[in-house]
């Protein structure tokens, strides 16, 4: 079982999206950005969503970005 890069929870009209790469201080990568975009798409596709709350696992929200595995 793989650990999800982004966790989405929805309850009472609030979608909580949490970055889940605490080992890298949630540094942005292409895969994380795609997972985040997918979570946002799923959250706004739910008619009852009124707000989106962003958070992160671990001690860093987002440490920044850098080259992905393709060097871009």
PDB file of N, CA and C in Angstrom:
ATOM      1  N   UNK A   1       0.848  -1.182   0.000  1.00  0.00           N
ATOM      2  CA  UNK A   1       0.000   0.000   0.000  1.00  0.00           C
ATOM      3  C   UNK A   1       0.891   1.242   0.000  1.00  0.00           C
ATOM      4  N   UNK A   2       0.615   2.157  -0.903  1.00  0.00           N
ATOM      5  CA  UNK A   2       1.395   3.379  -0.963  1.00  0.00           C
ATOM      6  C   UNK A   2       0.732   4.487  -0.162  1.00  0.00           C
ATOM      7  N   UNK A   3       1.556   5.375   0.357  1.00  0.00           N
ATOM      8  CA  UNK A   3       1.059   6.500   1.127  1.00  0.00           C
ATOM      9  C   UNK A   3       0.609   7.593   0.166  1.00  0.00           C
ATOM     10  N   UNK A   4      -0.596   8.138   0.332  1.00  0.00           N
ATOM     11  CA  UNK A   4      -1.072   9.184  -0.584  1.00  0.00           C
ATOM     12  C   UNK A   4      -0.270  10.475  -0.401  1.00  0.00           C
ATOM     13  N   UNK A   5       0.011  11.175  -1.496  1.00  0.00           N
ATOM     14  CA  UNK A   5       0.732  12.440  -1.434  1.00  0.00           C
ATOM     15  C   UNK A   5      -0.126  13.558  -0.858  1.00  0.00           C
ATOM     16  N   UNK A   6      -1.439  13.431  -1.045  1.00  0.00           N
ATOM     17  CA  UNK A   6      -2.395  14.429  -0.567  1.00  0.00           C
ATOM     18  C   UNK A   6      -3.562  13.691   0.070  1.00  0.00           C
ATOM     19  N   UNK A   7      -4.013  14.204   1.182  1.00  0.00           N
ATOM     20  CA  UNK A   7      -5.157  13.621   1.884  1.00  0.00           C
ATOM     21  C   UNK A   7      -6.333  14.583   1.740  1.00  0.00           C
ATOM     22  N   UNK A   8      -7.476  14.070   1.315  1.00  0.00           N
ATOM     23  CA  UNK A   8      -8.696  14.874   1.184  1.00  0.00           C
ATOM     24  C   UNK A   8      -9.747  14.310   2.128  1.00  0.00           C
ATOM     25  N   UNK A   9     -10.256  15.182   2.985  1.00  0.00           N
ATOM     26  CA  UNK A   9     -11.379  14.832   3.874  1.00  0.00           C
ATOM     27  C   UNK A   9     -12.476  15.855   3.640  1.00  0.00           C
ATOM     28  N   UNK A  10     -13.709  15.392   3.557  1.00  0.00           N
ATOM     29  CA  UNK A  10     -14.838  16.296   3.359  1.00  0.00           C
ATOM     30  C   UNK A  10     -15.895  16.029   4.419  1.00  0.00           C
ATOM     31  N   UNK A  11     -16.309  17.109   5.088  1.00  0.00           N
ATOM     32  CA  UNK A  11     -17.321  16.975   6.134  1.00  0.00           C
ATOM     33  C   UNK A  11     -17.991  18.326   6.361  1.00  0.00           C
ATOM     34  N   UNK A  12     -19.295  18.320   6.465  1.00  0.00           N
ATOM     35  CA  UNK A  12     -20.086  19.512   6.786  1.00  0.00           C
ATOM     36  C   UNK A  12     -19.755  20.706   5.891  1.00  0.00           C
ATOM     37  N   UNK A  13     -19.589  20.471   4.596  1.00  0.00           N
ATOM     38  CA  UNK A  13     -19.350  21.553   3.659  1.00  0.00           C
ATOM     39  C   UNK A  13     -17.913  22.047   3.585  1.00  0.00           C
ATOM     40  N   UNK A  14     -17.015  21.431   4.364  1.00  0.00           N
ATOM     41  CA  UNK A  14     -15.607  21.829   4.358  1.00  0.00           C
ATOM     42  C   UNK A  14     -14.768  20.689   3.796  1.00  0.00           C
ATOM     43  N   UNK A  15     -13.966  21.017   2.796  1.00  0.00           N
ATOM     44  CA  UNK A  15     -13.014  20.052   2.248  1.00  0.00           C
ATOM     45  C   UNK A  15     -11.646  20.401   2.831  1.00  0.00           C
ATOM     46  N   UNK A  16     -11.021  19.464   3.503  1.00  0.00           N
ATOM     47  CA  UNK A  16      -9.683  19.669   4.044  1.00  0.00           C
ATOM     48  C   UNK A  16      -8.693  18.923   3.160  1.00  0.00           C
ATOM     49  N   UNK A  17      -7.747  19.657   2.601  1.00  0.00           N
ATOM     50  CA  UNK A  17      -6.707  19.078   1.764  1.00  0.00           C
ATOM     51  C   UNK A  17      -5.391  19.234   2.513  1.00  0.00           C
ATOM     52  N   UNK A  18      -4.718  18.096   2.751  1.00  0.00           N
ATOM     53  CA  UNK A  18      -3.454  18.116   3.496  1.00  0.00           C
ATOM     54  C   UNK A  18      -2.342  17.500   2.658  1.00  0.00           C
ATOM     55  N   UNK A  19      -1.248  18.249   2.508  1.00  0.00           N
ATOM     56  CA  UNK A  19      -0.065  17.698   1.861  1.00  0.00           C
ATOM     57  C   UNK A  19       0.512  16.629   2.774  1.00  0.00           C
ATOM     58  N   UNK A  20       0.990  15.527   2.193  1.00  0.00           N
ATOM     59  CA  UNK A  20       1.401  14.387   3.004  1.00  0.00           C
ATOM     60  C   UNK A  20       2.794  13.880   2.601  1.00  0.00           C
ATOM     61  N   UNK A  21       3.772  14.783   2.632  1.00  0.00           N
ATOM     62  CA  UNK A  21       5.170  14.411   2.401  1.00  0.00           C
ATOM     63  C   UNK A  21       6.016  14.997   3.527  1.00  0.00           C
ATOM     64  N   UNK A  22       5.730  14.627   4.768  1.00  0.00           N
ATOM     65  CA  UNK A  22       6.439  15.263   5.889  1.00  0.00           C
ATOM     66  C   UNK A  22       7.949  15.022   5.872  1.00  0.00           C
ATOM     67  N   UNK A  23       8.386  13.940   5.256  1.00  0.00           N
ATOM     68  CA  UNK A  23       9.818  13.640   5.198  1.00  0.00           C
ATOM     69  C   UNK A  23      10.590  14.659   4.361  1.00  0.00           C
ATOM     70  N   UNK A  24       9.912  15.382   3.469  1.00  0.00           N
ATOM     71  CA  UNK A  24      10.539  16.408   2.636  1.00  0.00           C
ATOM     72  C   UNK A  24      10.026  17.801   2.994  1.00  0.00           C
ATOM     73  N   UNK A  25       9.391  17.933   4.155  1.00  0.00           N
ATOM     74  CA  UNK A  25       8.734  19.176   4.564  1.00  0.00           C
ATOM     75  C   UNK A  25       7.696  19.608   3.535  1.00  0.00           C
ATOM     76  N   UNK A  26       7.101  18.615   2.866  1.00  0.00           N
ATOM     77  CA  UNK A  26       6.049  18.830   1.873  1.00  0.00           C
ATOM     78  C   UNK A  26       6.521  19.677   0.700  1.00  0.00           C
ATOM     79  N   UNK A  27       7.779  19.473   0.296  1.00  0.00           N
ATOM     80  CA  UNK A  27       8.319  20.188  -0.859  1.00  0.00           C
ATOM     81  C   UNK A  27       7.512  19.818  -2.101  1.00  0.00           C
ATOM     82  N   UNK A  28       7.221  20.818  -2.914  1.00  0.00           N
ATOM     83  CA  UNK A  28       6.435  20.583  -4.119  1.00  0.00           C
ATOM     84  C   UNK A  28       7.238  19.814  -5.160  1.00  0.00           C
ATOM     85  N   UNK A  29       6.583  18.874  -5.763  1.00  0.00           N
ATOM     86  CA  UNK A  29       7.125  18.125  -6.896  1.00  0.00           C
ATOM     87  C   UNK A  29       6.006  18.058  -7.927  1.00  0.00           C
ATOM     88  N   UNK A  30       6.332  17.598  -9.092  1.00  0.00           N
ATOM     89  CA  UNK A  30       5.298  17.475 -10.120  1.00  0.00           C
ATOM     90  C   UNK A  30       4.198  16.519  -9.659  1.00  0.00           C
ATOM     91  N   UNK A  31       4.573  15.405  -9.061  1.00  0.00           N
ATOM     92  CA  UNK A  31       3.580  14.435  -8.580  1.00  0.00           C
ATOM     93  C   UNK A  31       2.694  15.037  -7.485  1.00  0.00           C
ATOM     94  N   UNK A  32       3.298  15.787  -6.568  1.00  0.00           N
ATOM     95  CA  UNK A  32       2.506  16.404  -5.500  1.00  0.00           C
ATOM     96  C   UNK A  32       1.567  17.460  -6.073  1.00  0.00           C
ATOM     97  N   UNK A  33       2.042  18.241  -7.019  1.00  0.00           N
ATOM     98  CA  UNK A  33       1.190  19.266  -7.646  1.00  0.00           C
ATOM     99  C   UNK A  33       0.004  18.629  -8.358  1.00  0.00           C
ATOM    100  N   UNK A  34       0.244  17.529  -9.049  1.00  0.00           N
ATOM    101  CA  UNK A  34      -0.853  16.829  -9.735  1.00  0.00           C
ATOM    102  C   UNK A  34      -1.845  16.255  -8.726  1.00  0.00           C
ATOM    103  N   UNK A  35      -1.339  15.682  -7.631  1.00  0.00           N
ATOM    104  CA  UNK A  35      -2.225  15.127  -6.599  1.00  0.00           C
ATOM    105  C   UNK A  35      -3.047  16.233  -5.949  1.00  0.00           C
ATOM    106  N   UNK A  36      -2.433  17.398  -5.742  1.00  0.00           N
ATOM    107  CA  UNK A  36      -3.145  18.539  -5.173  1.00  0.00           C
ATOM    108  C   UNK A  36      -4.249  19.013  -6.119  1.00  0.00           C
ATOM    109  N   UNK A  37      -3.921  19.141  -7.399  1.00  0.00           N
ATOM    110  CA  UNK A  37      -4.922  19.564  -8.395  1.00  0.00           C
ATOM    111  C   UNK A  37      -6.084  18.579  -8.443  1.00  0.00           C
ATOM    112  N   UNK A  38      -5.787  17.285  -8.365  1.00  0.00           N
ATOM    113  CA  UNK A  38      -6.838  16.265  -8.364  1.00  0.00           C
ATOM    114  C   UNK A  38      -7.725  16.407  -7.129  1.00  0.00           C
ATOM    115  N   UNK A  39      -7.120  16.655  -5.968  1.00  0.00           N
ATOM    116  CA  UNK A  39      -7.898  16.820  -4.740  1.00  0.00           C
ATOM    117  C   UNK A  39      -8.802  18.045  -4.825  1.00  0.00           C
ATOM    118  N   UNK A  40      -8.291  19.138  -5.380  1.00  0.00           N
ATOM    119  CA  UNK A  40      -9.116  20.344  -5.555  1.00  0.00           C
ATOM    120  C   UNK A  40     -10.277  20.048  -6.498  1.00  0.00           C
ATOM    121  N   UNK A  41      -9.993  19.360  -7.598  1.00  0.00           N
ATOM    122  CA  UNK A  41     -11.064  18.998  -8.540  1.00  0.00           C
ATOM    123  C   UNK A  41     -12.141  18.159  -7.865  1.00  0.00           C
ATOM    124  N   UNK A  42     -11.716  17.179  -7.046  1.00  0.00           N
ATOM    125  CA  UNK A  42     -12.699  16.345  -6.341  1.00  0.00           C
ATOM    126  C   UNK A  42     -13.485  17.156  -5.334  1.00  0.00           C
ATOM    127  N   UNK A  43     -12.827  18.082  -4.645  1.00  0.00           N
ATOM    128  CA  UNK A  43     -13.509  18.903  -3.636  1.00  0.00           C
ATOM    129  C   UNK A  43     -14.566  19.797  -4.275  1.00  0.00           C
ATOM    130  N   UNK A  44     -14.215  20.454  -5.381  1.00  0.00           N
ATOM    131  CA  UNK A  44     -15.188  21.380  -5.982  1.00  0.00           C
ATOM    132  C   UNK A  44     -16.269  20.656  -6.774  1.00  0.00           C
ATOM    133  N   UNK A  45     -16.039  19.388  -7.073  1.00  0.00           N
ATOM    134  CA  UNK A  45     -17.069  18.602  -7.757  1.00  0.00           C
ATOM    135  C   UNK A  45     -18.187  18.197  -6.795  1.00  0.00           C
ATOM    136  N   UNK A  46     -17.940  18.328  -5.507  1.00  0.00           N
ATOM    137  CA  UNK A  46     -18.943  18.005  -4.499  1.00  0.00           C
ATOM    138  C   UNK A  46     -19.786  19.253  -4.248  1.00  0.00           C
ATOM    139  N   UNK A  47     -21.050  19.173  -4.570  1.00  0.00           N
ATOM    140  CA  UNK A  47     -21.937  20.340  -4.513  1.00  0.00           C
ATOM    141  C   UNK A  47     -22.015  20.970  -3.122  1.00  0.00           C
ATOM    142  N   UNK A  48     -21.850  20.191  -2.082  1.00  0.00           N
ATOM    143  CA  UNK A  48     -21.993  20.727  -0.724  1.00  0.00           C
ATOM    144  C   UNK A  48     -20.740  21.437  -0.215  1.00  0.00           C
ATOM    145  N   UNK A  49     -19.636  21.398  -0.957  1.00  0.00           N
ATOM    146  CA  UNK A  49     -18.400  22.047  -0.508  1.00  0.00           C
ATOM    147  C   UNK A  49     -18.555  23.555  -0.554  1.00  0.00           C
ATOM    148  N   UNK A  50     -18.355  24.192   0.613  1.00  0.00           N
ATOM    149  CA  UNK A  50     -18.453  25.644   0.726  1.00  0.00           C
ATOM    150  C   UNK A  50     -17.087  26.281   0.978  1.00  0.00           C
ATOM    151  N   UNK A  51     -16.134  25.489   1.486  1.00  0.00           N
ATOM    152  CA  UNK A  51     -14.813  26.026   1.809  1.00  0.00           C
ATOM    153  C   UNK A  51     -13.779  24.919   1.654  1.00  0.00           C
ATOM    154  N   UNK A  52     -12.556  25.339   1.323  1.00  0.00           N
ATOM    155  CA  UNK A  52     -11.436  24.408   1.241  1.00  0.00           C
ATOM    156  C   UNK A  52     -10.372  24.885   2.223  1.00  0.00           C
ATOM    157  N   UNK A  53      -9.982  24.005   3.116  1.00  0.00           N
ATOM    158  CA  UNK A  53      -8.965  24.279   4.125  1.00  0.00           C
ATOM    159  C   UNK A  53      -7.691  23.553   3.727  1.00  0.00           C
ATOM    160  N   UNK A  54      -6.573  24.282   3.653  1.00  0.00           N
ATOM    161  CA  UNK A  54      -5.300  23.667   3.295  1.00  0.00           C
ATOM    162  C   UNK A  54      -4.452  23.464   4.534  1.00  0.00           C
ATOM    163  N   UNK A  55      -3.757  22.338   4.575  1.00  0.00           N
ATOM    164  CA  UNK A  55      -2.869  22.033   5.687  1.00  0.00           C
ATOM    165  C   UNK A  55      -1.798  21.069   5.228  1.00  0.00           C
ATOM    166  N   UNK A  56      -1.000  20.621   6.165  1.00  0.00           N
ATOM    167  CA  UNK A  56       0.081  19.699   5.819  1.00  0.00           C
ATOM    168  C   UNK A  56       0.440  18.840   7.021  1.00  0.00           C
ATOM    169  N   UNK A  57       0.884  17.642   6.732  1.00  0.00           N
ATOM    170  CA  UNK A  57       1.381  16.754   7.770  1.00  0.00           C
ATOM    171  C   UNK A  57       2.815  17.148   8.112  1.00  0.00           C
ATOM    172  N   UNK A  58       3.211  16.955   9.351  1.00  0.00           N
ATOM    173  CA  UNK A  58       4.576  17.251   9.757  1.00  0.00           C
ATOM    174  C   UNK A  58       4.762  18.703  10.150  1.00  0.00           C
ATOM    175  N   UNK A  59       6.020  19.118  10.217  1.00  0.00           N
ATOM    176  CA  UNK A  59       6.335  20.448  10.741  1.00  0.00           C
ATOM    177  C   UNK A  59       6.431  21.539   9.685  1.00  0.00           C
ATOM    178  N   UNK A  60       6.372  21.194   8.405  1.00  0.00           N
ATOM    179  CA  UNK A  60       6.469  22.202   7.357  1.00  0.00           C
ATOM    180  C   UNK A  60       5.233  22.197   6.478  1.00  0.00           C
ATOM    181  N   UNK A  61       4.722  23.405   6.168  1.00  0.00           N
ATOM    182  CA  UNK A  61       3.555  23.474   5.278  1.00  0.00           C
ATOM    183  C   UNK A  61       3.983  23.113   3.863  1.00  0.00           C
ATOM    184  N   UNK A  62       4.810  23.915   3.240  1.00  0.00           N
ATOM    185  CA  UNK A  62       5.386  23.618   1.931  1.00  0.00           C
ATOM    186  C   UNK A  62       6.774  24.242   1.915  1.00  0.00           C
ATOM    187  N   UNK A  63       7.786  23.414   1.729  1.00  0.00           N
ATOM    188  CA  UNK A  63       9.160  23.888   1.792  1.00  0.00           C
ATOM    189  C   UNK A  63       9.623  24.545   0.498  1.00  0.00           C
ATOM    190  N   UNK A  64       8.817  24.532  -0.519  1.00  0.00           N
ATOM    191  CA  UNK A  64       9.211  25.091  -1.804  1.00  0.00           C
ATOM    192  C   UNK A  64       9.165  24.015  -2.857  1.00  0.00           C
ATOM    193  N   UNK A  65       9.804  24.267  -3.954  1.00  0.00           N
ATOM    194  CA  UNK A  65       9.801  23.301  -5.040  1.00  0.00           C
ATOM    195  C   UNK A  65      11.196  23.121  -5.587  1.00  0.00           C
ATOM    196  N   UNK A  66      11.299  22.206  -6.460  1.00  0.00           N
ATOM    197  CA  UNK A  66      12.584  21.951  -7.070  1.00  0.00           C
ATOM    198  C   UNK A  66      12.391  21.082  -8.285  1.00  0.00           C
ATOM    199  N   UNK A  67      13.478  20.677  -8.887  1.00  0.00           N
ATOM    200  CA  UNK A  67      13.374  19.823 -10.067  1.00  0.00           C
ATOM    201  C   UNK A  67      12.651  18.523  -9.738  1.00  0.00           C
ATOM    202  N   UNK A  68      11.812  18.086 -10.663  1.00  0.00           N
ATOM    203  CA  UNK A  68      11.180  16.789 -10.468  1.00  0.00           C
ATOM    204  C   UNK A  68      12.145  15.714 -10.947  1.00  0.00           C
ATOM    205  N   UNK A  69      11.684  14.511 -11.022  1.00  0.00           N
ATOM    206  CA  UNK A  69      12.574  13.403 -11.366  1.00  0.00           C
ATOM    207  C   UNK A  69      13.098  13.488 -12.803  1.00  0.00           C
ATOM    208  N   UNK A  70      12.530  14.382 -13.604  1.00  0.00           N
ATOM    209  CA  UNK A  70      12.973  14.568 -14.981  1.00  0.00           C
ATOM    210  C   UNK A  70      13.927  15.760 -15.118  1.00  0.00           C
ATOM    211  N   UNK A  71      14.245  16.409 -13.988  1.00  0.00           N
ATOM    212  CA  UNK A  71      15.165  17.533 -14.006  1.00  0.00           C
ATOM    213  C   UNK A  71      14.560  18.856 -14.421  1.00  0.00           C
ATOM    214  N   UNK A  72      13.217  18.937 -14.451  1.00  0.00           N
ATOM    215  CA  UNK A  72      12.565  20.199 -14.841  1.00  0.00           C
ATOM    216  C   UNK A  72      12.208  21.000 -13.623  1.00  0.00           C
TER     217      UNK A  72
END
